[in-house]
Amino acid sequence: HSPNLTKSVRFFNKTKNPYFYHPYLLFNGFEHYKIKDIRKKKKIDKHCLMFADSGGFQLGNGQSLNGNYNKQIALEWSENNGDIFPILDQPLWNEYKTKFDDALKFTIESAEYYSKYRNPKLKNTILNVLQGNDIEEVEEWYHNIKHIKLDGWAIGGCAFNPTLYLSAIRMLYKHGEFKKKKNWMHIFGTSSFENMLYVSVIQKNMNKLCNIQLSYDSATLSHTTKFGK
């Protein structure tokens, strides 16, 4: 029988595919928020760690579903489906050319909403979000949003500048953000094998300093394999 890989996510169900099981998966809330239980719909087992992307990338591209997609929808969907997820942020890069202060204000309000309305009975890991066009902006962003205590961090807008996310990780470490028993740091938008190598080397060195898990959401590996590269 054909495995019909184009329509199946059975790589994420150990019972259905014990040989090629992969225990990590990402789905985007903006693209899938109408599916109330995506694990049931896609036959994803309970052991697979589900990263629920908030949809900030789509907002940055001007896809707002006529203004009907917002932080309330993103939080509810992420909590119902994800083990770990970031807040809904406003990217600095976007078709509206949003100013730094406006993007920061949007993201702070989102972080405050997630902190106030999250379900305390659930054991989700919620990530606060950093941004900036340079390390000075990243530091300014951090000092304005650090008072909102969530469970970890993510950084966006620096996929083509490894020095920037490396500096951000170093800054967070120096400010004591990685002192928990288990820490999480996600890097948005990484899209090259080069970045995968950088993150792997950073992870190896961070393992000597603290208990942290770095992650990234690149689909490059899958896409290049699909097209025979």
Protein backbone atom coordinates (compact mmCIF):
# COMPACT_ATOMS: atom_id res chain seq x y z
CA HIS A 1 0.00 0.00 0.00
CA SER A 2 1.16 3.54 -0.71
CA PRO A 3 1.96 5.46 2.50
CA ASN A 4 0.31 8.54 0.90
CA LEU A 5 2.78 10.84 2.63
CA THR A 6 1.31 13.99 1.08
CA LYS A 7 -1.86 13.65 3.17
CA SER A 8 -0.57 11.96 6.30
CA VAL A 9 1.24 13.05 9.44
CA ARG A 10 1.65 9.51 10.71
CA PHE A 11 5.33 10.27 11.34
CA PHE A 12 3.91 11.76 14.55
CA ASN A 13 2.01 8.70 15.71
CA LYS A 14 4.25 6.00 17.14
CA THR A 15 1.59 3.27 16.95
CA LYS A 16 0.92 3.86 13.27
CA ASN A 17 4.56 4.39 12.32
CA PRO A 18 7.04 2.96 14.86
CA TYR A 19 9.96 3.02 12.41
CA PHE A 20 10.02 6.71 11.43
CA TYR A 21 8.34 8.25 14.47
CA HIS A 22 9.32 11.88 15.13
CA PRO A 23 8.28 13.33 18.53
CA TYR A 24 8.17 17.04 17.59
CA LEU A 25 5.69 18.92 15.44
CA LEU A 26 4.68 22.51 14.61
CA PHE A 27 1.30 23.77 13.45
CA ASN A 28 0.37 27.38 12.81
CA GLY A 29 -2.66 28.81 14.63
CA PHE A 30 -3.46 31.29 11.86
CA GLU A 31 -3.71 28.50 9.31
CA HIS A 32 -5.48 25.94 11.54
CA TYR A 33 -7.46 27.81 14.21
CA LYS A 34 -10.79 26.46 12.91
CA ILE A 35 -9.67 22.91 13.79
CA LYS A 36 -10.55 22.65 17.48
CA ASP A 37 -8.65 19.42 18.17
CA ILE A 38 -5.80 19.11 15.70
CA ARG A 39 -4.31 16.05 17.40
CA LYS A 40 -7.52 14.10 16.84
CA LYS A 41 -7.97 15.47 13.33
CA LYS A 42 -4.42 14.63 12.24
CA LYS A 43 -4.04 11.46 14.39
CA ILE A 44 -1.10 12.86 16.36
CA ASP A 45 -0.35 10.86 19.48
CA LYS A 46 -0.24 12.37 22.97
CA HIS A 47 3.52 11.86 23.32
CA CYS A 48 4.45 14.08 20.38
CA LEU A 49 5.41 17.58 21.53
CA MET A 50 3.24 20.08 19.71
CA PHE A 51 4.59 23.59 19.07
CA ALA A 52 1.66 25.90 18.31
CA ASP A 53 2.88 28.88 16.30
CA SER A 54 0.87 32.00 17.11
CA GLY A 55 0.54 33.39 13.57
CA GLY A 56 2.62 36.54 13.99
CA PHE A 57 4.36 35.80 10.68
CA GLN A 58 1.03 35.92 8.86
CA LEU A 59 0.09 39.19 10.56
CA GLY A 60 3.41 40.60 9.42
CA ASN A 61 2.55 39.65 5.85
CA GLY A 62 -0.77 41.47 6.12
CA GLN A 63 -2.93 38.35 6.50
CA SER A 64 -5.30 39.37 9.29
CA LEU A 65 -8.45 37.54 8.12
CA ASN A 66 -10.07 40.98 7.80
CA GLY A 67 -9.11 41.74 11.37
CA ASN A 68 -10.84 38.63 12.76
CA TYR A 69 -7.66 36.90 13.94
CA ASN A 70 -6.44 38.23 17.26
CA LYS A 71 -4.67 37.35 20.51
CA GLN A 72 -7.83 35.87 22.05
CA ILE A 73 -8.28 33.40 19.19
CA ALA A 74 -4.55 32.62 19.13
CA LEU A 75 -4.37 31.94 22.88
CA GLU A 76 -7.48 29.74 22.97
CA TRP A 77 -6.34 27.65 19.99
CA SER A 78 -2.77 27.37 21.27
CA GLU A 79 -3.87 26.26 24.74
CA ASN A 80 -6.26 23.67 23.35
CA ASN A 81 -3.69 22.19 20.98
CA GLY A 82 -0.14 23.11 21.92
CA ASP A 83 2.33 21.99 24.54
CA ILE A 84 4.47 25.05 23.90
CA PHE A 85 3.68 28.28 22.07
CA PRO A 86 4.68 31.95 21.79
CA ILE A 87 2.47 34.97 22.33
CA LEU A 88 0.98 36.66 19.27
CA ASP A 89 3.48 39.40 18.43
CA GLN A 90 3.66 42.15 15.83
CA PRO A 91 6.78 41.66 13.69
CA LEU A 92 8.89 44.73 13.02
CA TRP A 93 9.22 43.60 9.42
CA ASN A 94 5.76 43.83 7.86
CA GLU A 95 4.01 45.32 4.88
CA TYR A 96 2.69 48.19 7.00
CA LYS A 97 6.23 49.21 8.07
CA THR A 98 5.10 49.36 11.68
CA LYS A 99 7.26 51.58 13.86
CA PHE A 100 9.31 50.09 16.68
CA ASP A 101 7.21 51.67 19.45
CA ASP A 102 3.93 50.51 17.90
CA ALA A 103 5.14 46.93 17.40
CA LEU A 104 6.46 46.87 20.98
CA LYS A 105 3.17 48.22 22.34
CA PHE A 106 1.18 45.56 20.45
CA THR A 107 3.46 42.78 21.73
CA ILE A 108 3.42 44.00 25.34
CA GLU A 109 -0.39 44.10 25.31
CA SER A 110 -0.40 40.58 23.88
CA ALA A 111 2.01 39.30 26.54
CA GLU A 112 -0.10 40.87 29.29
CA TYR A 113 -3.22 39.24 27.84
CA TYR A 114 -1.61 35.79 27.72
CA SER A 115 -0.32 36.21 31.28
CA LYS A 116 -3.73 37.29 32.60
CA TYR A 117 -6.01 34.89 30.74
CA ARG A 118 -3.95 31.72 30.43
CA ASN A 119 -5.50 28.62 31.99
CA PRO A 120 -3.49 27.92 35.18
CA LYS A 121 -4.66 24.29 35.20
CA LEU A 122 -2.86 23.54 31.96
CA LYS A 123 0.85 22.86 31.84
CA ASN A 124 1.55 24.75 28.62
CA THR A 125 4.85 26.54 28.15
CA ILE A 126 4.21 30.09 26.90
CA LEU A 127 7.07 32.06 25.35
CA ASN A 128 7.51 35.82 25.53
CA VAL A 129 8.86 37.42 22.35
CA LEU A 130 11.93 39.57 21.65
CA GLN A 131 12.56 41.60 18.52
CA GLY A 132 14.88 44.29 17.20
CA ASN A 133 16.79 45.33 14.12
CA ASP A 134 20.04 45.39 16.13
CA ILE A 135 21.17 44.36 19.61
CA GLU A 136 20.44 47.83 21.02
CA GLU A 137 16.80 47.50 19.94
CA VAL A 138 16.62 43.94 21.27
CA GLU A 139 17.86 45.14 24.65
CA GLU A 140 15.39 48.05 24.68
CA TRP A 141 12.58 45.63 23.78
CA TYR A 142 13.64 43.25 26.55
CA HIS A 143 13.74 45.93 29.25
CA ASN A 144 10.21 47.03 28.29
CA ILE A 145 8.67 43.56 28.30
CA LYS A 146 10.68 41.63 30.91
CA HIS A 147 8.19 42.48 33.70
CA ILE A 148 5.69 40.09 32.12
CA LYS A 149 6.71 36.73 33.51
CA LEU A 150 5.99 33.84 31.15
CA ASP A 151 7.79 30.50 30.74
CA GLY A 152 10.50 31.13 28.17
CA TRP A 153 11.57 33.28 25.25
CA ALA A 154 11.46 33.45 21.48
CA ILE A 155 13.20 35.90 19.18
CA GLY A 156 12.10 37.04 15.73
CA GLY A 157 13.37 39.13 12.88
CA CYS A 158 16.95 37.89 12.86
CA ALA A 159 16.90 34.81 10.68
CA PHE A 160 19.54 36.31 8.37
CA ASN A 161 21.67 37.62 11.21
CA PRO A 162 22.93 34.79 13.46
CA THR A 163 25.00 37.33 15.41
CA LEU A 164 21.78 39.02 16.53
CA TYR A 165 20.09 35.94 17.98
CA LEU A 166 23.41 34.81 19.47
CA SER A 167 23.71 38.21 21.17
CA ALA A 168 20.10 37.97 22.36
CA ILE A 169 20.70 34.53 23.92
CA ARG A 170 23.82 35.88 25.62
CA MET A 171 21.87 38.90 26.91
CA LEU A 172 19.08 36.74 28.34
CA TYR A 173 21.62 34.50 30.04
CA LYS A 174 23.40 37.48 31.60
CA HIS A 175 20.08 38.81 32.91
CA GLY A 176 19.34 35.50 34.63
CA GLU A 177 16.51 34.40 32.36
CA PHE A 178 17.79 30.81 32.15
CA LYS A 179 17.85 29.94 35.86
CA LYS A 180 14.78 27.70 35.82
CA LYS A 181 15.02 23.91 35.99
CA LYS A 182 14.00 23.79 32.34
CA ASN A 183 14.31 26.73 29.93
CA TRP A 184 13.15 27.19 26.35
CA MET A 185 14.42 29.55 23.64
CA HIS A 186 12.85 29.53 20.16
CA ILE A 187 14.30 31.25 17.09
CA PHE A 188 11.69 32.31 14.54
CA GLY A 189 12.08 32.15 10.79
CA THR A 190 15.37 30.31 10.46
CA SER A 191 15.49 29.09 6.89
CA SER A 192 18.88 27.63 6.06
CA PHE A 193 21.11 24.69 6.82
CA GLU A 194 23.67 27.25 7.95
CA ASN A 195 21.37 28.41 10.76
CA MET A 196 20.69 24.82 11.78
CA LEU A 197 24.44 24.35 12.24
CA TYR A 198 24.78 27.58 14.22
CA VAL A 199 21.91 26.68 16.55
CA SER A 200 23.34 23.19 17.10
CA VAL A 201 26.73 24.64 18.09
CA ILE A 202 25.06 27.20 20.38
CA GLN A 203 23.00 24.41 21.97
CA LYS A 204 26.13 22.34 22.62
CA ASN A 205 27.82 25.26 24.37
CA MET A 206 24.72 26.35 26.32
CA ASN A 207 24.42 22.80 27.69
CA LYS A 208 27.54 23.55 29.71
CA LEU A 209 25.92 26.59 31.34
CA CYS A 210 22.25 25.78 31.97
CA ASN A 211 19.36 23.47 31.18
CA ILE A 212 17.99 25.04 28.01
CA GLN A 213 16.32 23.75 24.86
CA LEU A 214 16.84 25.79 21.71
CA SER A 215 14.44 25.29 18.82
CA TYR A 216 13.72 26.73 15.37
CA ASP A 217 10.88 26.39 12.90
CA SER A 218 12.60 25.96 9.55
CA ALA A 219 11.00 23.77 6.89
CA THR A 220 14.07 23.94 4.65
CA LEU A 221 15.17 20.39 5.40
CA SER A 222 11.80 18.97 4.36
CA HIS A 223 11.46 21.19 1.31
CA THR A 224 14.93 20.53 -0.08
CA THR A 225 14.49 16.79 0.39
CA LYS A 226 11.08 16.89 -1.27
CA PHE A 227 12.50 18.56 -4.34
CA GLY A 228 15.44 16.18 -4.64
CA LYS A 229 18.27 18.44 -3.43
